[in-house]
Amino acid sequence: MQSHRDWLLERHGSICAYCGTETPSDIITLDHVRPRRGQTAYDRADNLVLACRECNAAKADQPLVSFLMQRRARGVFLLHYGDHLSEPLKQLARQASERPLLAKEA
């Protein structure tokens, strides 16, 4: 999973995919968007994002929709910093989001 973490750091920088906060790379965490609950099948790149400790702890093992609905701006950040996620996860984020998507940087 270190390779997934390194790939995400290179792709998006050390930014939380849920709140958009820049976090030092040595303390940012790797989060399973869909909780794995002990299943290694969820350790794929299309289910992993970087998250600050606060967001990772707040999300814990709750379903993605529940977490996003608590603060709908999270869906906007997730769609931007989780553009590599599986299509079903991106669809959940789109449905939970109340704001337009962030513009991609050139």
N, C-alpha and C. Protein backbone atom coordinates (compact mmCIF):
# COMPACT_ATOMS: atom_id res chain seq x y z
N MET A 1 0.82 -1.21 0.00
CA MET A 1 0.00 0.00 0.00
C MET A 1 0.87 1.27 0.00
N GLN A 2 2.14 1.13 0.35
CA GLN A 2 3.03 2.29 0.30
C GLN A 2 3.11 2.85 -1.11
N SER A 3 3.08 1.95 -2.12
CA SER A 3 3.15 2.43 -3.50
C SER A 3 1.91 3.26 -3.85
N HIS A 4 0.73 2.87 -3.33
CA HIS A 4 -0.48 3.66 -3.56
C HIS A 4 -0.34 5.03 -2.90
N ARG A 5 0.19 5.05 -1.69
CA ARG A 5 0.37 6.31 -0.96
C ARG A 5 1.32 7.23 -1.73
N ASP A 6 2.45 6.67 -2.18
CA ASP A 6 3.42 7.47 -2.93
C ASP A 6 2.80 7.99 -4.22
N TRP A 7 2.04 7.15 -4.90
CA TRP A 7 1.38 7.55 -6.15
C TRP A 7 0.41 8.70 -5.90
N LEU A 8 -0.38 8.62 -4.84
CA LEU A 8 -1.34 9.68 -4.51
C LEU A 8 -0.62 10.98 -4.13
N LEU A 9 0.47 10.87 -3.38
CA LEU A 9 1.25 12.06 -3.03
C LEU A 9 1.80 12.74 -4.29
N GLU A 10 2.27 11.94 -5.23
CA GLU A 10 2.81 12.50 -6.46
C GLU A 10 1.69 13.11 -7.31
N ARG A 11 0.54 12.48 -7.32
CA ARG A 11 -0.57 12.92 -8.16
C ARG A 11 -1.26 14.18 -7.64
N HIS A 12 -1.53 14.22 -6.33
CA HIS A 12 -2.33 15.30 -5.76
C HIS A 12 -1.59 16.16 -4.75
N GLY A 13 -0.42 15.75 -4.33
CA GLY A 13 0.25 16.45 -3.25
C GLY A 13 -0.30 15.97 -1.92
N SER A 14 0.18 16.54 -0.86
CA SER A 14 -0.20 16.11 0.48
C SER A 14 -1.46 16.87 0.93
N ILE A 15 -2.57 16.59 0.25
CA ILE A 15 -3.84 17.28 0.46
C ILE A 15 -4.90 16.27 0.88
N CYS A 16 -5.67 16.60 1.89
CA CYS A 16 -6.76 15.73 2.33
C CYS A 16 -7.85 15.70 1.27
N ALA A 17 -8.24 14.52 0.86
CA ALA A 17 -9.27 14.36 -0.17
C ALA A 17 -10.67 14.67 0.34
N TYR A 18 -10.83 14.87 1.64
CA TYR A 18 -12.15 15.15 2.20
C TYR A 18 -12.36 16.62 2.57
N CYS A 19 -11.29 17.31 2.97
CA CYS A 19 -11.45 18.71 3.38
C CYS A 19 -10.55 19.67 2.62
N GLY A 20 -9.63 19.15 1.81
CA GLY A 20 -8.76 19.99 1.01
C GLY A 20 -7.62 20.65 1.77
N THR A 21 -7.41 20.25 3.01
CA THR A 21 -6.36 20.83 3.83
C THR A 21 -5.00 20.24 3.48
N GLU A 22 -4.02 21.11 3.27
CA GLU A 22 -2.66 20.63 3.05
C GLU A 22 -2.13 20.13 4.38
N THR A 23 -1.60 18.93 4.37
CA THR A 23 -1.15 18.25 5.57
C THR A 23 0.28 17.75 5.33
N PRO A 24 1.17 17.88 6.29
CA PRO A 24 2.52 17.37 6.08
C PRO A 24 2.50 15.91 5.62
N SER A 25 3.32 15.61 4.63
CA SER A 25 3.29 14.27 4.03
C SER A 25 3.66 13.16 5.01
N ASP A 26 4.39 13.49 6.06
CA ASP A 26 4.77 12.46 7.02
C ASP A 26 3.64 12.11 7.99
N ILE A 27 2.58 12.93 8.03
CA ILE A 27 1.46 12.59 8.93
C ILE A 27 0.13 12.38 8.21
N ILE A 28 0.06 12.68 6.90
CA ILE A 28 -1.19 12.42 6.18
C ILE A 28 -1.41 10.91 6.13
N THR A 29 -2.67 10.50 6.21
CA THR A 29 -2.98 9.08 6.27
C THR A 29 -3.56 8.60 4.95
N LEU A 30 -3.56 7.31 4.77
CA LEU A 30 -4.18 6.66 3.62
C LEU A 30 -5.52 6.12 4.11
N ASP A 31 -6.59 6.47 3.41
CA ASP A 31 -7.93 6.06 3.86
C ASP A 31 -8.61 5.21 2.81
N HIS A 32 -9.33 4.18 3.28
CA HIS A 32 -10.18 3.37 2.42
C HIS A 32 -11.52 4.10 2.30
N VAL A 33 -11.86 4.56 1.11
CA VAL A 33 -13.10 5.30 0.91
C VAL A 33 -14.28 4.40 1.27
N ARG A 34 -14.30 3.22 0.74
CA ARG A 34 -15.29 2.22 1.16
C ARG A 34 -14.57 1.38 2.21
N PRO A 35 -15.01 1.43 3.47
CA PRO A 35 -14.30 0.72 4.55
C PRO A 35 -14.05 -0.74 4.21
N ARG A 36 -12.84 -1.20 4.52
CA ARG A 36 -12.48 -2.56 4.14
C ARG A 36 -12.95 -3.61 5.12
N ARG A 37 -13.10 -3.24 6.37
CA ARG A 37 -13.56 -4.19 7.40
C ARG A 37 -12.83 -5.53 7.30
N GLY A 38 -11.50 -5.44 7.23
CA GLY A 38 -10.68 -6.65 7.23
C GLY A 38 -10.53 -7.33 5.88
N GLN A 39 -11.13 -6.80 4.82
CA GLN A 39 -11.06 -7.42 3.51
C GLN A 39 -9.97 -6.74 2.68
N THR A 40 -9.01 -7.53 2.19
CA THR A 40 -7.91 -6.96 1.42
C THR A 40 -8.34 -6.53 0.02
N ALA A 41 -9.46 -6.97 -0.47
CA ALA A 41 -9.93 -6.58 -1.81
C ALA A 41 -10.15 -5.07 -1.91
N TYR A 42 -10.34 -4.42 -0.78
CA TYR A 42 -10.57 -2.98 -0.77
C TYR A 42 -9.28 -2.17 -0.77
N ASP A 43 -8.13 -2.83 -0.81
CA ASP A 43 -6.83 -2.16 -0.79
C ASP A 43 -6.38 -1.73 -2.18
N ARG A 44 -7.31 -1.52 -3.09
CA ARG A 44 -6.99 -1.11 -4.46
C ARG A 44 -6.91 0.41 -4.55
N ALA A 45 -6.13 0.88 -5.53
CA ALA A 45 -5.94 2.32 -5.71
C ALA A 45 -7.26 3.06 -5.92
N ASP A 46 -8.24 2.41 -6.55
CA ASP A 46 -9.52 3.09 -6.82
C ASP A 46 -10.44 3.12 -5.60
N ASN A 47 -9.91 2.75 -4.43
CA ASN A 47 -10.65 2.84 -3.18
C ASN A 47 -9.83 3.55 -2.10
N LEU A 48 -8.71 4.15 -2.47
CA LEU A 48 -7.82 4.78 -1.49
C LEU A 48 -7.63 6.26 -1.80
N VAL A 49 -7.61 7.07 -0.75
CA VAL A 49 -7.32 8.50 -0.86
C VAL A 49 -6.44 8.90 0.31
N LEU A 50 -5.81 10.06 0.18
CA LEU A 50 -5.07 10.65 1.29
C LEU A 50 -6.04 11.44 2.15
N ALA A 51 -5.89 11.36 3.46
CA ALA A 51 -6.79 12.07 4.36
C ALA A 51 -6.02 12.57 5.57
N CYS A 52 -6.40 13.79 6.04
CA CYS A 52 -5.81 14.27 7.28
C CYS A 52 -6.29 13.37 8.42
N ARG A 53 -5.60 13.40 9.51
CA ARG A 53 -5.97 12.54 10.64
C ARG A 53 -7.37 12.82 11.14
N GLU A 54 -7.75 14.10 11.15
CA GLU A 54 -9.07 14.49 11.65
C GLU A 54 -10.19 13.89 10.81
N CYS A 55 -10.06 14.01 9.48
CA CYS A 55 -11.10 13.45 8.60
C CYS A 55 -11.11 11.93 8.65
N ASN A 56 -9.93 11.33 8.69
CA ASN A 56 -9.86 9.87 8.74
C ASN A 56 -10.53 9.36 10.01
N ALA A 57 -10.27 10.01 11.12
CA ALA A 57 -10.89 9.60 12.40
C ALA A 57 -12.40 9.86 12.39
N ALA A 58 -12.81 10.98 11.81
CA ALA A 58 -14.24 11.30 11.76
C ALA A 58 -14.99 10.32 10.88
N LYS A 59 -14.38 9.89 9.80
CA LYS A 59 -15.04 8.95 8.88
C LYS A 59 -15.08 7.56 9.49
N ALA A 60 -13.98 7.13 10.07
CA ALA A 60 -13.87 5.80 10.68
C ALA A 60 -14.42 4.75 9.71
N ASP A 61 -15.34 3.92 10.17
CA ASP A 61 -15.90 2.85 9.33
C ASP A 61 -17.32 3.16 8.86
N GLN A 62 -17.73 4.42 8.95
CA GLN A 62 -19.09 4.71 8.50
C GLN A 62 -19.18 4.70 6.98
N PRO A 63 -20.35 4.42 6.45
CA PRO A 63 -20.53 4.43 5.00
C PRO A 63 -20.20 5.81 4.42
N LEU A 64 -19.68 5.81 3.20
CA LEU A 64 -19.26 7.04 2.54
C LEU A 64 -20.38 8.07 2.48
N VAL A 65 -21.57 7.66 2.10
CA VAL A 65 -22.68 8.61 1.97
C VAL A 65 -22.96 9.31 3.29
N SER A 66 -22.95 8.59 4.38
CA SER A 66 -23.20 9.18 5.70
C SER A 66 -22.15 10.23 6.02
N PHE A 67 -20.90 9.91 5.77
CA PHE A 67 -19.80 10.83 6.04
C PHE A 67 -19.92 12.08 5.18
N LEU A 68 -20.20 11.91 3.89
CA LEU A 68 -20.30 13.06 3.00
C LEU A 68 -21.51 13.94 3.31
N MET A 69 -22.60 13.34 3.72
CA MET A 69 -23.81 14.11 4.00
C MET A 69 -23.67 14.98 5.26
N GLN A 70 -22.76 14.62 6.14
CA GLN A 70 -22.53 15.42 7.34
C GLN A 70 -21.92 16.78 7.00
N ARG A 71 -21.16 16.84 5.93
CA ARG A 71 -20.55 18.08 5.45
C ARG A 71 -20.40 17.93 3.93
N ARG A 72 -21.37 18.45 3.21
CA ARG A 72 -21.45 18.18 1.78
C ARG A 72 -20.28 18.69 0.95
N ALA A 73 -19.55 19.66 1.45
CA ALA A 73 -18.37 20.14 0.72
C ALA A 73 -17.34 19.02 0.56
N ARG A 74 -17.39 18.02 1.42
CA ARG A 74 -16.45 16.90 1.31
C ARG A 74 -16.56 16.21 -0.05
N GLY A 75 -17.77 16.16 -0.59
CA GLY A 75 -17.97 15.53 -1.89
C GLY A 75 -17.23 16.25 -3.00
N VAL A 76 -17.18 17.58 -2.93
CA VAL A 76 -16.47 18.38 -3.92
C VAL A 76 -14.98 18.06 -3.86
N PHE A 77 -14.42 18.06 -2.66
CA PHE A 77 -13.00 17.74 -2.51
C PHE A 77 -12.71 16.31 -2.96
N LEU A 78 -13.59 15.39 -2.60
CA LEU A 78 -13.37 13.99 -2.95
C LEU A 78 -13.37 13.80 -4.47
N LEU A 79 -14.25 14.48 -5.16
CA LEU A 79 -14.28 14.36 -6.62
C LEU A 79 -13.02 14.94 -7.26
N HIS A 80 -12.47 15.96 -6.64
CA HIS A 80 -11.25 16.57 -7.18
C HIS A 80 -10.01 15.74 -6.84
N TYR A 81 -9.83 15.41 -5.57
CA TYR A 81 -8.64 14.69 -5.13
C TYR A 81 -8.82 13.17 -5.18
N GLY A 82 -9.97 12.74 -5.64
CA GLY A 82 -10.24 11.32 -5.79
C GLY A 82 -10.69 11.01 -7.21
N ASP A 83 -10.16 11.76 -8.17
CA ASP A 83 -10.56 11.56 -9.57
C ASP A 83 -10.19 10.17 -10.09
N HIS A 84 -9.37 9.44 -9.36
CA HIS A 84 -8.95 8.09 -9.72
C HIS A 84 -9.87 7.02 -9.14
N LEU A 85 -10.82 7.41 -8.31
CA LEU A 85 -11.70 6.44 -7.63
C LEU A 85 -12.60 5.72 -8.63
N SER A 86 -13.15 4.60 -8.19
CA SER A 86 -14.07 3.85 -9.03
C SER A 86 -15.30 4.70 -9.33
N GLU A 87 -15.93 4.46 -10.45
CA GLU A 87 -17.09 5.25 -10.87
C GLU A 87 -18.23 5.20 -9.84
N PRO A 88 -18.54 4.05 -9.23
CA PRO A 88 -19.61 4.06 -8.21
C PRO A 88 -19.30 4.99 -7.02
N LEU A 89 -18.05 5.06 -6.60
CA LEU A 89 -17.69 5.95 -5.50
C LEU A 89 -17.81 7.41 -5.93
N LYS A 90 -17.38 7.72 -7.15
CA LYS A 90 -17.51 9.09 -7.64
C LYS A 90 -18.98 9.48 -7.78
N GLN A 91 -19.82 8.54 -8.17
CA GLN A 91 -21.26 8.84 -8.29
C GLN A 91 -21.85 9.16 -6.92
N LEU A 92 -21.46 8.42 -5.90
CA LEU A 92 -21.93 8.72 -4.54
C LEU A 92 -21.50 10.12 -4.12
N ALA A 93 -20.26 10.49 -4.42
CA ALA A 93 -19.76 11.82 -4.07
C ALA A 93 -20.53 12.90 -4.83
N ARG A 94 -20.83 12.65 -6.11
CA ARG A 94 -21.60 13.63 -6.89
C ARG A 94 -22.98 13.85 -6.28
N GLN A 95 -23.61 12.77 -5.89
CA GLN A 95 -24.95 12.86 -5.32
C GLN A 95 -24.96 13.59 -3.98
N ALA A 96 -23.89 13.45 -3.21
CA ALA A 96 -23.83 14.06 -1.88
C ALA A 96 -23.35 15.51 -1.93
N SER A 97 -22.77 15.92 -3.05
CA SER A 97 -22.18 17.24 -3.14
C SER A 97 -23.24 18.28 -3.45
N GLU A 98 -23.10 19.46 -2.84
CA GLU A 98 -24.04 20.54 -3.11
C GLU A 98 -23.40 21.69 -3.86
N ARG A 99 -22.11 21.57 -4.15
CA ARG A 99 -21.38 22.65 -4.81
C ARG A 99 -20.86 22.18 -6.16
N PRO A 100 -20.53 23.14 -7.05
CA PRO A 100 -19.91 22.74 -8.31
C PRO A 100 -18.52 22.16 -8.08
N LEU A 101 -18.05 21.39 -9.02
CA LEU A 101 -16.74 20.77 -8.90
C LEU A 101 -15.65 21.84 -8.94
N LEU A 102 -14.53 21.52 -8.32
CA LEU A 102 -13.36 22.40 -8.36
C LEU A 102 -12.78 22.37 -9.76
N ALA A 103 -12.29 23.49 -10.22
CA ALA A 103 -11.66 23.55 -11.54
C ALA A 103 -10.32 22.83 -11.49
N LYS A 104 -10.03 22.07 -12.53
CA LYS A 104 -8.74 21.39 -12.63
C LYS A 104 -7.67 22.42 -12.94
N GLU A 105 -6.52 22.27 -12.30
CA GLU A 105 -5.41 23.17 -12.58
C GLU A 105 -4.71 22.71 -13.84
N ALA A 106 -4.25 23.64 -14.62
CA ALA A 106 -3.59 23.31 -15.89
C ALA A 106 -2.19 22.80 -15.68
